[in-house]
């Protein structure tokens, strides 16, 4: 999956892009790590009733222009639509809390 200027998480109606105020140290301060290709990756396990486990994954390219957002199984092989999970209220709340924090800390901006 290629980086795009704007990204939406499957099953959510919120769209984000990288904040123009975002810097590499901003990403590292907010839990992102560097990949071998020089991009930045944020991985957060989400407690869920799913047997495979669930992980929120946010990738920002090294130029701080492109973004990818997904929820995947803990092995990372399968994309999961959070809105279709049973008893998903806690997972939805956690994801929204994480993204609200990214917006507050100038990592991402929400697009209308």
C-alpha atoms as a PDB file:
ATOM      1  CA  UNK A   1       0.000   0.000   0.000  1.00  0.00           C
ATOM      2  CA  UNK A   2       1.476   3.316  -1.073  1.00  0.00           C
ATOM      3  CA  UNK A   3       1.594   6.417   1.086  1.00  0.00           C
ATOM      4  CA  UNK A   4      -1.165   8.930   0.458  1.00  0.00           C
ATOM      5  CA  UNK A   5      -1.543  12.551   1.478  1.00  0.00           C
ATOM      6  CA  UNK A   6      -4.747  11.729   3.393  1.00  0.00           C
ATOM      7  CA  UNK A   7      -5.783   8.485   5.071  1.00  0.00           C
ATOM      8  CA  UNK A   8      -8.890   7.073   6.717  1.00  0.00           C
ATOM      9  CA  UNK A   9      -9.040   4.086   9.024  1.00  0.00           C
ATOM     10  CA  UNK A  10     -11.326   1.347   7.711  1.00  0.00           C
ATOM     11  CA  UNK A  11     -14.671   1.595   9.510  1.00  0.00           C
ATOM     12  CA  UNK A  12     -14.148   5.167  10.798  1.00  0.00           C
ATOM     13  CA  UNK A  13     -15.425   8.413   9.328  1.00  0.00           C
ATOM     14  CA  UNK A  14     -12.385  10.484  10.266  1.00  0.00           C
ATOM     15  CA  UNK A  15      -9.699  11.456   7.724  1.00  0.00           C
ATOM     16  CA  UNK A  16      -6.189  12.585   8.683  1.00  0.00           C
ATOM     17  CA  UNK A  17      -3.050  13.949   7.099  1.00  0.00           C
ATOM     18  CA  UNK A  18       0.372  14.767   8.505  1.00  0.00           C
ATOM     19  CA  UNK A  19       0.501  18.146  10.227  1.00  0.00           C
ATOM     20  CA  UNK A  20       2.745  20.749   8.559  1.00  0.00           C
ATOM     21  CA  UNK A  21       4.173  21.389  12.048  1.00  0.00           C
ATOM     22  CA  UNK A  22       5.215  17.745  12.455  1.00  0.00           C
ATOM     23  CA  UNK A  23       8.950  17.009  12.701  1.00  0.00           C
ATOM     24  CA  UNK A  24      10.856  13.715  13.142  1.00  0.00           C
ATOM     25  CA  UNK A  25      11.377  14.407  16.853  1.00  0.00           C
ATOM     26  CA  UNK A  26       7.618  15.035  17.204  1.00  0.00           C
ATOM     27  CA  UNK A  27       6.954  11.568  15.842  1.00  0.00           C
ATOM     28  CA  UNK A  28       9.560   9.917  18.070  1.00  0.00           C
ATOM     29  CA  UNK A  29       8.200  11.757  21.132  1.00  0.00           C
ATOM     30  CA  UNK A  30       4.765  10.301  20.353  1.00  0.00           C
ATOM     31  CA  UNK A  31       5.790   6.650  20.091  1.00  0.00           C
ATOM     32  CA  UNK A  32       6.809   6.354  16.446  1.00  0.00           C
ATOM     33  CA  UNK A  33       9.930   4.367  15.587  1.00  0.00           C
ATOM     34  CA  UNK A  34      12.140   4.537  12.510  1.00  0.00           C
ATOM     35  CA  UNK A  35      11.903   1.765   9.933  1.00  0.00           C
ATOM     36  CA  UNK A  36      14.803   0.475   7.839  1.00  0.00           C
ATOM     37  CA  UNK A  37      13.548   2.573   4.909  1.00  0.00           C
ATOM     38  CA  UNK A  38      13.633   5.768   7.001  1.00  0.00           C
ATOM     39  CA  UNK A  39       9.878   6.016   7.461  1.00  0.00           C
ATOM     40  CA  UNK A  40       8.139   6.285  10.835  1.00  0.00           C
ATOM     41  CA  UNK A  41       5.878   3.589  12.282  1.00  0.00           C
ATOM     42  CA  UNK A  42       3.465   3.624  15.225  1.00  0.00           C
ATOM     43  CA  UNK A  43       2.143   0.258  16.437  1.00  0.00           C
ATOM     44  CA  UNK A  44      -0.258  -0.046  19.341  1.00  0.00           C
ATOM     45  CA  UNK A  45      -1.933  -3.305  20.404  1.00  0.00           C
ATOM     46  CA  UNK A  46      -5.649  -2.834  21.013  1.00  0.00           C
ATOM     47  CA  UNK A  47      -7.382  -5.121  23.485  1.00  0.00           C
ATOM     48  CA  UNK A  48     -10.206  -6.837  21.710  1.00  0.00           C
ATOM     49  CA  UNK A  49     -12.286  -9.992  21.761  1.00  0.00           C
ATOM     50  CA  UNK A  50     -10.708 -11.018  18.455  1.00  0.00           C
ATOM     51  CA  UNK A  51      -8.790 -14.296  18.516  1.00  0.00           C
ATOM     52  CA  UNK A  52      -6.011 -12.916  16.328  1.00  0.00           C
ATOM     53  CA  UNK A  53      -5.427  -9.798  18.406  1.00  0.00           C
ATOM     54  CA  UNK A  54      -5.673  -6.334  16.939  1.00  0.00           C
ATOM     55  CA  UNK A  55      -2.982  -3.710  16.283  1.00  0.00           C
ATOM     56  CA  UNK A  56      -3.362  -0.066  15.241  1.00  0.00           C
ATOM     57  CA  UNK A  57      -0.672   0.792  12.708  1.00  0.00           C
ATOM     58  CA  UNK A  58       0.147   4.323  11.531  1.00  0.00           C
ATOM     59  CA  UNK A  59       2.958   4.918   9.027  1.00  0.00           C
ATOM     60  CA  UNK A  60       4.380   8.315   8.047  1.00  0.00           C
ATOM     61  CA  UNK A  61       6.843   8.559   5.165  1.00  0.00           C
ATOM     62  CA  UNK A  62      10.329   9.963   5.671  1.00  0.00           C
ATOM     63  CA  UNK A  63       9.398  13.227   3.905  1.00  0.00           C
ATOM     64  CA  UNK A  64       6.558  13.771   6.442  1.00  0.00           C
ATOM     65  CA  UNK A  65       4.050  14.180   3.610  1.00  0.00           C
ATOM     66  CA  UNK A  66       2.384  10.768   3.222  1.00  0.00           C
ATOM     67  CA  UNK A  67       0.471   8.591   5.662  1.00  0.00           C
ATOM     68  CA  UNK A  68      -1.014   5.084   5.930  1.00  0.00           C
ATOM     69  CA  UNK A  69      -3.422   4.001   8.675  1.00  0.00           C
ATOM     70  CA  UNK A  70      -4.729   0.486   9.332  1.00  0.00           C
ATOM     71  CA  UNK A  71      -5.844  -1.970  11.966  1.00  0.00           C
ATOM     72  CA  UNK A  72      -4.342  -5.385  11.429  1.00  0.00           C
ATOM     73  CA  UNK A  73      -4.099  -8.735  13.169  1.00  0.00           C
ATOM     74  CA  UNK A  74      -1.171  -9.008  15.569  1.00  0.00           C
ATOM     75  CA  UNK A  75       0.884 -10.769  12.889  1.00  0.00           C
ATOM     76  CA  UNK A  76       0.095  -7.928  10.450  1.00  0.00           C
ATOM     77  CA  UNK A  77      -1.183 -10.147   7.639  1.00  0.00           C
ATOM     78  CA  UNK A  78      -4.867  -9.222   7.594  1.00  0.00           C
ATOM     79  CA  UNK A  79      -6.597  -5.830   7.704  1.00  0.00           C
ATOM     80  CA  UNK A  80      -9.509  -5.684  10.151  1.00  0.00           C
ATOM     81  CA  UNK A  81     -12.601  -3.455   9.966  1.00  0.00           C
ATOM     82  CA  UNK A  82     -13.052  -2.378  13.600  1.00  0.00           C
ATOM     83  CA  UNK A  83     -16.654  -1.324  13.033  1.00  0.00           C
ATOM     84  CA  UNK A  84     -17.629  -4.912  12.209  1.00  0.00           C
ATOM     85  CA  UNK A  85     -16.209  -6.460  15.395  1.00  0.00           C
ATOM     86  CA  UNK A  86     -18.532  -7.597  18.168  1.00  0.00           C
ATOM     87  CA  UNK A  87     -18.290  -5.525  21.364  1.00  0.00           C
ATOM     88  CA  UNK A  88     -16.122  -2.944  19.606  1.00  0.00           C
ATOM     89  CA  UNK A  89     -16.988   0.103  21.773  1.00  0.00           C
ATOM     90  CA  UNK A  90     -13.750  -0.074  23.792  1.00  0.00           C
ATOM     91  CA  UNK A  91     -11.579  -0.448  20.681  1.00  0.00           C
ATOM     92  CA  UNK A  92     -13.308   2.476  18.941  1.00  0.00           C
ATOM     93  CA  UNK A  93     -12.843   4.620  22.045  1.00  0.00           C
ATOM     94  CA  UNK A  94      -9.122   3.756  22.242  1.00  0.00           C
ATOM     95  CA  UNK A  95      -8.527   4.505  18.569  1.00  0.00           C
ATOM     96  CA  UNK A  96     -10.317   7.851  18.808  1.00  0.00           C
ATOM     97  CA  UNK A  97      -8.331   8.702  21.967  1.00  0.00           C
ATOM     98  CA  UNK A  98      -5.024   7.943  20.203  1.00  0.00           C
ATOM     99  CA  UNK A  99      -5.932  10.051  17.168  1.00  0.00           C
ATOM    100  CA  UNK A 100      -7.197  12.922  19.343  1.00  0.00           C
ATOM    101  CA  UNK A 101      -3.789  12.889  21.059  1.00  0.00           C
ATOM    102  CA  UNK A 102      -1.983  12.989  17.711  1.00  0.00           C
ATOM    103  CA  UNK A 103      -4.078  15.995  16.663  1.00  0.00           C
ATOM    104  CA  UNK A 104      -3.470  17.779  19.995  1.00  0.00           C
ATOM    105  CA  UNK A 105       0.303  17.240  19.682  1.00  0.00           C
ATOM    106  CA  UNK A 106       0.542  18.431  16.040  1.00  0.00           C
ATOM    107  CA  UNK A 107       1.394  15.017  14.620  1.00  0.00           C
ATOM    108  CA  UNK A 108      -1.735  14.832  12.465  1.00  0.00           C
ATOM    109  CA  UNK A 109      -4.510  17.179  11.431  1.00  0.00           C
ATOM    110  CA  UNK A 110      -8.073  16.076  10.836  1.00  0.00           C
ATOM    111  CA  UNK A 111      -9.475  16.809   7.384  1.00  0.00           C
ATOM    112  CA  UNK A 112     -13.166  17.710   7.097  1.00  0.00           C
END
